[in-house]
């Protein structure tokens, strides 16, 4: 039902720029950094990080938390969120401008698997290069590179 509501809301609001927010979630497993990607159950069945439309009166960060809970089953307590370093993507969807704000988030328990909603049909945990190939879009690939570098920089000794 929620997916239908979101789709209808987008159609009603289609004259304005669409705004969304989400998290690029990663985990450290067996010495490897892996990124969570979800396969959409609609349209081109694309792969992306958990994200969704910003509802009226809702701030971007609250949207990212809500959408991640709805789409992957993760609460804020499940994640270490890098709140100070969001990245913004701007692109066109069906000839309409869209802006998506992402924060980097590490899964606290790397063995905790996501719980998919009806909005997605599959999930993958992938290392950086495979994740970039899976998302396909250049802007998303650059974002993964930037977030990956943030993770590596954070791990460097001072």
N, C-alpha and C. Protein backbone atom coordinates (compact mmCIF):
# COMPACT_ATOMS: atom_id res chain seq x y z
N UNK A 1 0.82 -1.20 0.00
CA UNK A 1 0.00 0.00 0.00
C UNK A 1 0.86 1.26 0.00
N UNK A 2 1.91 1.23 0.81
CA UNK A 2 2.81 2.39 0.89
C UNK A 2 3.44 2.70 -0.47
N UNK A 3 3.83 1.66 -1.20
CA UNK A 3 4.45 1.85 -2.51
C UNK A 3 3.46 2.53 -3.47
N UNK A 4 2.20 2.11 -3.43
CA UNK A 4 1.18 2.71 -4.29
C UNK A 4 0.97 4.17 -3.92
N UNK A 5 0.89 4.48 -2.63
CA UNK A 5 0.73 5.85 -2.18
C UNK A 5 1.88 6.72 -2.66
N UNK A 6 3.11 6.21 -2.52
CA UNK A 6 4.28 6.98 -2.95
C UNK A 6 4.23 7.25 -4.45
N UNK A 7 3.83 6.24 -5.23
CA UNK A 7 3.75 6.40 -6.68
C UNK A 7 2.69 7.45 -7.04
N UNK A 8 1.52 7.38 -6.42
CA UNK A 8 0.45 8.34 -6.70
C UNK A 8 0.85 9.74 -6.29
N UNK A 9 1.53 9.87 -5.14
CA UNK A 9 1.97 11.18 -4.68
C UNK A 9 2.94 11.80 -5.69
N UNK A 10 3.83 10.98 -6.25
CA UNK A 10 4.78 11.48 -7.25
C UNK A 10 4.05 11.96 -8.50
N UNK A 11 3.00 11.24 -8.91
CA UNK A 11 2.24 11.66 -10.09
C UNK A 11 1.55 12.99 -9.85
N UNK A 12 0.97 13.17 -8.68
CA UNK A 12 0.30 14.42 -8.34
C UNK A 12 1.31 15.56 -8.29
N UNK A 13 2.49 15.27 -7.77
CA UNK A 13 3.53 16.28 -7.55
C UNK A 13 4.51 16.34 -8.72
N UNK A 14 4.13 15.83 -9.89
CA UNK A 14 5.08 15.65 -10.99
C UNK A 14 5.57 16.95 -11.62
N UNK A 15 4.91 18.07 -11.35
CA UNK A 15 5.36 19.34 -11.92
C UNK A 15 6.55 19.91 -11.17
N UNK A 16 6.74 19.50 -9.95
CA UNK A 16 7.84 20.00 -9.13
C UNK A 16 9.02 19.06 -9.19
N UNK A 17 10.16 19.56 -8.71
CA UNK A 17 11.33 18.70 -8.63
C UNK A 17 11.08 17.63 -7.58
N UNK A 18 11.42 16.41 -7.93
CA UNK A 18 11.30 15.32 -6.97
C UNK A 18 12.53 15.33 -6.08
N UNK A 19 12.31 15.14 -4.78
CA UNK A 19 13.40 15.11 -3.82
C UNK A 19 13.32 13.82 -3.04
N UNK A 20 14.47 13.18 -2.89
CA UNK A 20 14.53 11.91 -2.16
C UNK A 20 15.75 11.92 -1.26
N UNK A 21 15.78 10.98 -0.33
CA UNK A 21 16.91 10.86 0.58
C UNK A 21 17.08 9.41 0.98
N UNK A 22 18.32 9.05 1.30
CA UNK A 22 18.59 7.68 1.70
C UNK A 22 19.98 7.49 2.26
N UNK A 23 20.33 6.23 2.47
CA UNK A 23 21.65 5.88 3.00
C UNK A 23 22.36 4.93 2.04
N UNK A 24 23.65 5.16 1.86
CA UNK A 24 24.52 4.17 1.22
C UNK A 24 25.06 3.35 2.38
N UNK A 25 24.55 2.13 2.51
CA UNK A 25 24.88 1.27 3.65
C UNK A 25 26.01 0.33 3.27
N UNK A 26 27.00 0.25 4.16
CA UNK A 26 28.09 -0.69 3.94
C UNK A 26 28.31 -1.52 5.19
N UNK A 27 29.00 -2.64 4.99
CA UNK A 27 29.40 -3.48 6.11
C UNK A 27 30.84 -3.93 5.88
N UNK A 28 31.49 -4.27 6.97
CA UNK A 28 32.84 -4.85 6.91
C UNK A 28 32.69 -6.32 7.24
N UNK A 29 33.02 -7.17 6.28
CA UNK A 29 32.87 -8.61 6.47
C UNK A 29 34.11 -9.31 5.92
N UNK A 30 34.79 -10.06 6.78
CA UNK A 30 36.00 -10.81 6.39
C UNK A 30 37.03 -9.88 5.75
N UNK A 31 37.21 -8.70 6.33
CA UNK A 31 38.20 -7.76 5.84
C UNK A 31 37.82 -7.03 4.57
N UNK A 32 36.57 -7.17 4.13
CA UNK A 32 36.12 -6.54 2.89
C UNK A 32 35.00 -5.55 3.19
N UNK A 33 35.00 -4.43 2.48
CA UNK A 33 33.91 -3.46 2.56
C UNK A 33 32.90 -3.82 1.48
N UNK A 34 31.65 -4.01 1.89
CA UNK A 34 30.58 -4.39 0.96
C UNK A 34 29.43 -3.39 1.08
N UNK A 35 28.82 -3.09 -0.06
CA UNK A 35 27.72 -2.13 -0.13
C UNK A 35 26.40 -2.85 -0.39
N UNK A 36 25.36 -2.40 0.29
CA UNK A 36 24.02 -2.97 0.12
C UNK A 36 23.33 -2.31 -1.07
N UNK A 37 22.86 -3.14 -2.00
CA UNK A 37 22.06 -2.66 -3.12
C UNK A 37 20.76 -3.44 -3.17
N UNK A 38 19.67 -2.73 -3.47
CA UNK A 38 18.34 -3.31 -3.54
C UNK A 38 17.83 -3.22 -4.97
N UNK A 39 17.18 -4.28 -5.45
CA UNK A 39 16.63 -4.30 -6.80
C UNK A 39 15.17 -3.87 -6.77
N UNK A 40 14.86 -2.80 -7.49
CA UNK A 40 13.50 -2.26 -7.52
C UNK A 40 12.54 -3.25 -8.16
N UNK A 41 11.32 -3.26 -7.66
CA UNK A 41 10.28 -4.15 -8.18
C UNK A 41 9.43 -3.46 -9.24
N UNK A 42 9.89 -2.33 -9.76
CA UNK A 42 9.11 -1.55 -10.72
C UNK A 42 10.04 -0.96 -11.79
N UNK A 43 9.46 -0.44 -12.83
CA UNK A 43 10.21 0.27 -13.87
C UNK A 43 11.28 -0.59 -14.51
N UNK A 44 12.50 -0.07 -14.51
CA UNK A 44 13.62 -0.77 -15.15
C UNK A 44 14.27 -1.79 -14.21
N UNK A 45 13.68 -1.99 -13.04
CA UNK A 45 14.19 -2.95 -12.06
C UNK A 45 15.65 -2.65 -11.71
N UNK A 46 15.94 -1.37 -11.54
CA UNK A 46 17.30 -0.92 -11.26
C UNK A 46 17.74 -1.28 -9.85
N UNK A 47 19.04 -1.24 -9.63
CA UNK A 47 19.64 -1.49 -8.32
C UNK A 47 20.06 -0.15 -7.72
N UNK A 48 19.78 0.04 -6.43
CA UNK A 48 20.18 1.27 -5.76
C UNK A 48 20.24 1.05 -4.25
N UNK A 49 20.74 2.05 -3.58
CA UNK A 49 20.75 2.06 -2.11
C UNK A 49 19.34 2.41 -1.62
N UNK A 50 19.02 2.09 -0.36
CA UNK A 50 17.70 2.46 0.17
C UNK A 50 17.50 3.98 0.12
N UNK A 51 16.40 4.40 -0.46
CA UNK A 51 16.09 5.82 -0.57
C UNK A 51 14.61 5.97 -0.87
N UNK A 52 14.11 7.19 -0.72
CA UNK A 52 12.72 7.40 -1.06
C UNK A 52 12.34 8.86 -1.04
N UNK A 53 11.15 9.12 -1.52
CA UNK A 53 10.59 10.46 -1.66
C UNK A 53 10.45 11.15 -0.30
N UNK A 54 10.85 12.41 -0.26
CA UNK A 54 10.68 13.22 0.95
C UNK A 54 9.22 13.64 1.03
N UNK A 55 8.55 13.22 2.09
CA UNK A 55 7.14 13.57 2.28
C UNK A 55 7.01 15.02 2.74
N UNK A 56 5.87 15.66 2.46
CA UNK A 56 5.65 17.04 2.90
C UNK A 56 5.84 17.17 4.41
N UNK A 57 6.59 18.20 4.82
CA UNK A 57 6.83 18.46 6.23
C UNK A 57 7.92 17.61 6.84
N UNK A 58 8.54 16.76 6.06
CA UNK A 58 9.57 15.85 6.57
C UNK A 58 10.94 16.36 6.13
N UNK A 59 11.93 16.32 7.03
CA UNK A 59 13.28 16.72 6.62
C UNK A 59 13.99 15.54 5.95
N UNK A 60 15.06 15.85 5.25
CA UNK A 60 15.77 14.84 4.44
C UNK A 60 16.29 13.68 5.28
N UNK A 61 16.86 13.99 6.42
CA UNK A 61 17.45 12.94 7.25
C UNK A 61 16.37 12.00 7.80
N UNK A 62 15.25 12.57 8.21
CA UNK A 62 14.13 11.75 8.69
C UNK A 62 13.62 10.85 7.58
N UNK A 63 13.56 11.39 6.36
CA UNK A 63 13.17 10.57 5.21
C UNK A 63 14.11 9.40 5.03
N UNK A 64 15.42 9.67 5.09
CA UNK A 64 16.41 8.60 4.91
C UNK A 64 16.22 7.50 5.96
N UNK A 65 15.98 7.89 7.20
CA UNK A 65 15.74 6.91 8.27
C UNK A 65 14.47 6.10 7.99
N UNK A 66 13.39 6.79 7.65
CA UNK A 66 12.10 6.12 7.40
C UNK A 66 12.21 5.16 6.22
N UNK A 67 12.79 5.63 5.14
CA UNK A 67 12.90 4.79 3.94
C UNK A 67 13.79 3.57 4.18
N UNK A 68 14.85 3.74 4.93
CA UNK A 68 15.75 2.62 5.21
C UNK A 68 15.04 1.58 6.07
N UNK A 69 14.23 2.03 7.02
CA UNK A 69 13.44 1.10 7.82
C UNK A 69 12.43 0.37 6.95
N UNK A 70 11.73 1.11 6.09
CA UNK A 70 10.71 0.51 5.23
C UNK A 70 11.30 -0.44 4.20
N UNK A 71 12.41 -0.05 3.59
CA UNK A 71 12.95 -0.82 2.46
C UNK A 71 13.92 -1.91 2.85
N UNK A 72 14.62 -1.73 3.98
CA UNK A 72 15.65 -2.71 4.36
C UNK A 72 15.48 -3.25 5.77
N UNK A 73 14.59 -2.64 6.56
CA UNK A 73 14.35 -3.13 7.91
C UNK A 73 15.34 -2.65 8.95
N UNK A 74 16.22 -1.73 8.57
CA UNK A 74 17.23 -1.23 9.51
C UNK A 74 16.77 0.05 10.19
N UNK A 75 16.90 0.10 11.52
CA UNK A 75 16.64 1.29 12.32
C UNK A 75 17.93 2.09 12.48
N UNK A 76 17.79 3.31 13.00
CA UNK A 76 18.95 4.15 13.26
C UNK A 76 19.93 3.45 14.19
N UNK A 77 19.42 2.68 15.17
CA UNK A 77 20.30 1.99 16.12
C UNK A 77 21.14 0.90 15.46
N UNK A 78 20.72 0.43 14.28
CA UNK A 78 21.46 -0.61 13.56
C UNK A 78 22.64 -0.05 12.78
N UNK A 79 22.71 1.28 12.67
CA UNK A 79 23.66 1.92 11.78
C UNK A 79 24.56 2.92 12.49
N UNK A 80 25.77 3.06 11.99
CA UNK A 80 26.66 4.17 12.35
C UNK A 80 26.57 5.13 11.17
N UNK A 81 25.93 6.27 11.38
CA UNK A 81 25.63 7.19 10.28
C UNK A 81 26.62 8.35 10.28
N UNK A 82 27.18 8.61 9.12
CA UNK A 82 28.13 9.71 8.93
C UNK A 82 27.32 10.95 8.56
N UNK A 83 26.75 11.60 9.58
CA UNK A 83 25.80 12.69 9.36
C UNK A 83 26.43 13.94 8.76
N UNK A 84 27.72 14.14 8.97
CA UNK A 84 28.36 15.39 8.54
C UNK A 84 28.82 15.39 7.09
N UNK A 85 28.64 14.26 6.38
CA UNK A 85 29.19 14.18 5.02
C UNK A 85 28.17 13.66 4.00
N UNK A 86 27.01 14.31 3.87
CA UNK A 86 26.06 13.85 2.85
C UNK A 86 26.57 14.19 1.45
N UNK A 87 26.15 13.41 0.49
CA UNK A 87 26.42 13.69 -0.92
C UNK A 87 25.08 13.85 -1.63
N UNK A 88 25.05 14.75 -2.59
CA UNK A 88 23.82 15.05 -3.32
C UNK A 88 23.97 14.68 -4.79
N UNK A 89 22.98 13.96 -5.32
CA UNK A 89 22.94 13.63 -6.74
C UNK A 89 21.80 14.42 -7.38
N UNK A 90 22.07 14.97 -8.55
CA UNK A 90 21.05 15.67 -9.34
C UNK A 90 20.97 14.99 -10.70
N UNK A 91 19.77 14.58 -11.09
CA UNK A 91 19.61 13.95 -12.40
C UNK A 91 18.17 14.06 -12.87
N UNK A 92 17.90 13.56 -14.06
CA UNK A 92 16.56 13.62 -14.66
C UNK A 92 15.90 12.25 -14.60
N UNK A 93 14.62 12.22 -14.24
CA UNK A 93 13.81 11.01 -14.30
C UNK A 93 12.56 11.36 -15.09
N UNK A 94 12.38 10.73 -16.22
CA UNK A 94 11.24 11.02 -17.10
C UNK A 94 11.13 12.52 -17.37
N UNK A 95 12.27 13.12 -17.72
CA UNK A 95 12.38 14.54 -18.07
C UNK A 95 12.02 15.49 -16.93
N UNK A 96 12.04 14.99 -15.70
CA UNK A 96 11.81 15.83 -14.53
C UNK A 96 13.08 15.84 -13.67
N UNK A 97 13.44 17.00 -13.11
CA UNK A 97 14.63 17.03 -12.26
C UNK A 97 14.41 16.28 -10.95
N UNK A 98 15.43 15.58 -10.51
CA UNK A 98 15.37 14.87 -9.24
C UNK A 98 16.65 15.14 -8.47
N UNK A 99 16.51 15.33 -7.18
CA UNK A 99 17.66 15.50 -6.29
C UNK A 99 17.57 14.42 -5.21
N UNK A 100 18.68 13.74 -4.98
CA UNK A 100 18.72 12.71 -3.94
C UNK A 100 19.90 12.99 -3.02
N UNK A 101 19.62 13.04 -1.73
CA UNK A 101 20.66 13.26 -0.72
C UNK A 101 20.93 11.94 -0.04
N UNK A 102 22.20 11.55 -0.04
CA UNK A 102 22.62 10.29 0.59
C UNK A 102 23.60 10.57 1.72
N UNK A 103 23.46 9.79 2.77
CA UNK A 103 24.45 9.74 3.84
C UNK A 103 25.08 8.35 3.83
N UNK A 104 26.32 8.28 4.23
CA UNK A 104 27.01 7.01 4.38
C UNK A 104 26.63 6.42 5.73
N UNK A 105 26.38 5.12 5.77
CA UNK A 105 26.01 4.45 7.02
C UNK A 105 26.62 3.06 7.07
N UNK A 106 27.25 2.76 8.20
CA UNK A 106 27.83 1.43 8.39
C UNK A 106 26.89 0.57 9.23
N UNK A 107 26.68 -0.64 8.78
CA UNK A 107 25.87 -1.59 9.54
C UNK A 107 26.68 -2.06 10.75
N UNK A 108 26.12 -1.86 11.94
CA UNK A 108 26.84 -2.23 13.17
C UNK A 108 27.12 -3.73 13.25
N UNK A 109 26.12 -4.53 12.94
CA UNK A 109 26.27 -5.98 12.95
C UNK A 109 26.32 -6.46 11.49
N UNK A 110 27.51 -6.78 10.98
CA UNK A 110 27.63 -7.13 9.56
C UNK A 110 26.87 -8.39 9.16
N UNK A 111 26.42 -9.16 10.13
CA UNK A 111 25.66 -10.39 9.82
C UNK A 111 24.15 -10.16 9.81
N UNK A 112 23.71 -8.96 10.18
CA UNK A 112 22.28 -8.65 10.20
C UNK A 112 21.80 -8.41 8.77
N UNK A 113 21.00 -9.33 8.26
CA UNK A 113 20.52 -9.23 6.89
C UNK A 113 19.32 -8.27 6.80
N UNK A 114 19.18 -7.60 5.67
CA UNK A 114 18.03 -6.71 5.47
C UNK A 114 16.72 -7.49 5.38
N UNK A 115 15.63 -6.79 5.64
CA UNK A 115 14.29 -7.33 5.45
C UNK A 115 13.67 -6.51 4.33
N UNK A 116 13.49 -7.11 3.17
CA UNK A 116 13.00 -6.38 2.00
C UNK A 116 11.51 -6.07 2.09
N UNK A 117 11.14 -4.91 1.55
CA UNK A 117 9.73 -4.55 1.41
C UNK A 117 9.25 -5.00 0.03
N UNK A 118 7.97 -4.73 -0.25
CA UNK A 118 7.42 -5.09 -1.56
C UNK A 118 7.99 -4.21 -2.68
N UNK A 119 8.72 -3.14 -2.30
CA UNK A 119 9.31 -2.26 -3.31
C UNK A 119 10.54 -2.86 -3.97
N UNK A 120 11.06 -3.95 -3.40
CA UNK A 120 12.28 -4.57 -3.93
C UNK A 120 12.12 -6.08 -4.02
N UNK A 121 12.81 -6.65 -5.01
CA UNK A 121 12.70 -8.10 -5.24
C UNK A 121 13.96 -8.86 -4.88
N UNK A 122 15.06 -8.15 -4.67
CA UNK A 122 16.32 -8.83 -4.39
C UNK A 122 17.28 -7.85 -3.72
N UNK A 123 18.35 -8.40 -3.16
CA UNK A 123 19.39 -7.58 -2.55
C UNK A 123 20.74 -8.21 -2.82
N UNK A 124 21.76 -7.37 -2.76
CA UNK A 124 23.13 -7.84 -2.92
C UNK A 124 24.03 -7.04 -1.99
N UNK A 125 25.02 -7.71 -1.42
CA UNK A 125 26.12 -7.06 -0.73
C UNK A 125 27.32 -7.21 -1.67
N UNK A 126 27.87 -6.09 -2.14
CA UNK A 126 28.92 -6.15 -3.14
C UNK A 126 30.11 -5.28 -2.77
N UNK A 127 31.33 -5.72 -3.13
CA UNK A 127 32.49 -4.84 -2.98
C UNK A 127 32.37 -3.66 -3.95
N UNK A 128 33.20 -2.65 -3.74
CA UNK A 128 33.08 -1.37 -4.45
C UNK A 128 32.93 -1.51 -5.96
N UNK A 129 33.85 -2.16 -6.63
CA UNK A 129 33.81 -2.20 -8.09
C UNK A 129 32.58 -2.93 -8.62
N UNK A 130 32.19 -4.00 -7.97
CA UNK A 130 30.98 -4.72 -8.39
C UNK A 130 29.73 -3.89 -8.12
N UNK A 131 29.72 -3.17 -7.01
CA UNK A 131 28.58 -2.29 -6.69
C UNK A 131 28.45 -1.20 -7.76
N UNK A 132 29.57 -0.64 -8.18
CA UNK A 132 29.55 0.39 -9.21
C UNK A 132 28.99 -0.16 -10.52
N UNK A 133 29.38 -1.36 -10.89
CA UNK A 133 28.86 -1.97 -12.11
C UNK A 133 27.36 -2.22 -11.99
N UNK A 134 26.93 -2.64 -10.82
CA UNK A 134 25.53 -2.99 -10.60
C UNK A 134 24.62 -1.75 -10.69
N UNK A 135 25.04 -0.63 -10.12
CA UNK A 135 24.20 0.57 -10.15
C UNK A 135 24.15 1.19 -11.54
N UNK A 136 25.23 1.02 -12.29
CA UNK A 136 25.23 1.47 -13.68
C UNK A 136 25.38 2.96 -13.90
N UNK A 137 24.58 3.78 -13.25
CA UNK A 137 24.60 5.21 -13.50
C UNK A 137 25.90 5.85 -13.02
N UNK A 138 26.46 6.71 -13.86
CA UNK A 138 27.75 7.34 -13.58
C UNK A 138 27.73 8.11 -12.25
N UNK A 139 26.68 8.89 -12.01
CA UNK A 139 26.61 9.67 -10.76
C UNK A 139 26.65 8.76 -9.54
N UNK A 140 25.95 7.64 -9.59
CA UNK A 140 25.96 6.70 -8.47
C UNK A 140 27.33 6.06 -8.31
N UNK A 141 28.00 5.79 -9.42
CA UNK A 141 29.34 5.20 -9.37
C UNK A 141 30.33 6.16 -8.71
N UNK A 142 30.25 7.43 -9.08
CA UNK A 142 31.12 8.45 -8.49
C UNK A 142 30.83 8.58 -7.00
N UNK A 143 29.56 8.53 -6.63
CA UNK A 143 29.18 8.61 -5.21
C UNK A 143 29.78 7.44 -4.43
N UNK A 144 29.71 6.24 -4.97
CA UNK A 144 30.30 5.08 -4.29
C UNK A 144 31.79 5.28 -4.12
N UNK A 145 32.47 5.78 -5.15
CA UNK A 145 33.91 6.06 -5.05
C UNK A 145 34.20 7.05 -3.93
N UNK A 146 33.42 8.13 -3.87
CA UNK A 146 33.64 9.16 -2.84
C UNK A 146 33.41 8.61 -1.44
N UNK A 147 32.32 7.89 -1.26
CA UNK A 147 32.04 7.31 0.06
C UNK A 147 33.11 6.27 0.42
N UNK A 148 33.54 5.49 -0.54
CA UNK A 148 34.57 4.48 -0.27
C UNK A 148 35.86 5.16 0.20
N UNK A 149 36.21 6.26 -0.44
CA UNK A 149 37.41 7.00 -0.03
C UNK A 149 37.25 7.54 1.39
N UNK A 150 36.04 7.99 1.75
CA UNK A 150 35.79 8.46 3.12
C UNK A 150 36.05 7.34 4.12
N UNK A 151 35.61 6.13 3.79
CA UNK A 151 35.82 4.98 4.68
C UNK A 151 37.31 4.71 4.83
N UNK A 152 38.03 4.71 3.72
CA UNK A 152 39.47 4.45 3.76
C UNK A 152 40.21 5.54 4.53
N UNK A 153 39.83 6.81 4.30
CA UNK A 153 40.47 7.93 5.01
C UNK A 153 40.23 7.85 6.51
N UNK A 154 39.04 7.41 6.89
CA UNK A 154 38.70 7.27 8.31
C UNK A 154 39.58 6.22 8.98
N UNK A 155 39.99 5.21 8.23
CA UNK A 155 40.78 4.11 8.79
C UNK A 155 42.28 4.38 8.81
N UNK A 156 42.71 5.51 8.22
CA UNK A 156 44.14 5.83 8.20
C UNK A 156 44.59 6.26 9.58
N UNK A 157 45.78 5.83 10.00
CA UNK A 157 46.30 6.29 11.29
C UNK A 157 46.62 7.78 11.24
N UNK A 158 46.41 8.45 12.35
CA UNK A 158 46.68 9.89 12.42
C UNK A 158 48.13 10.17 12.71
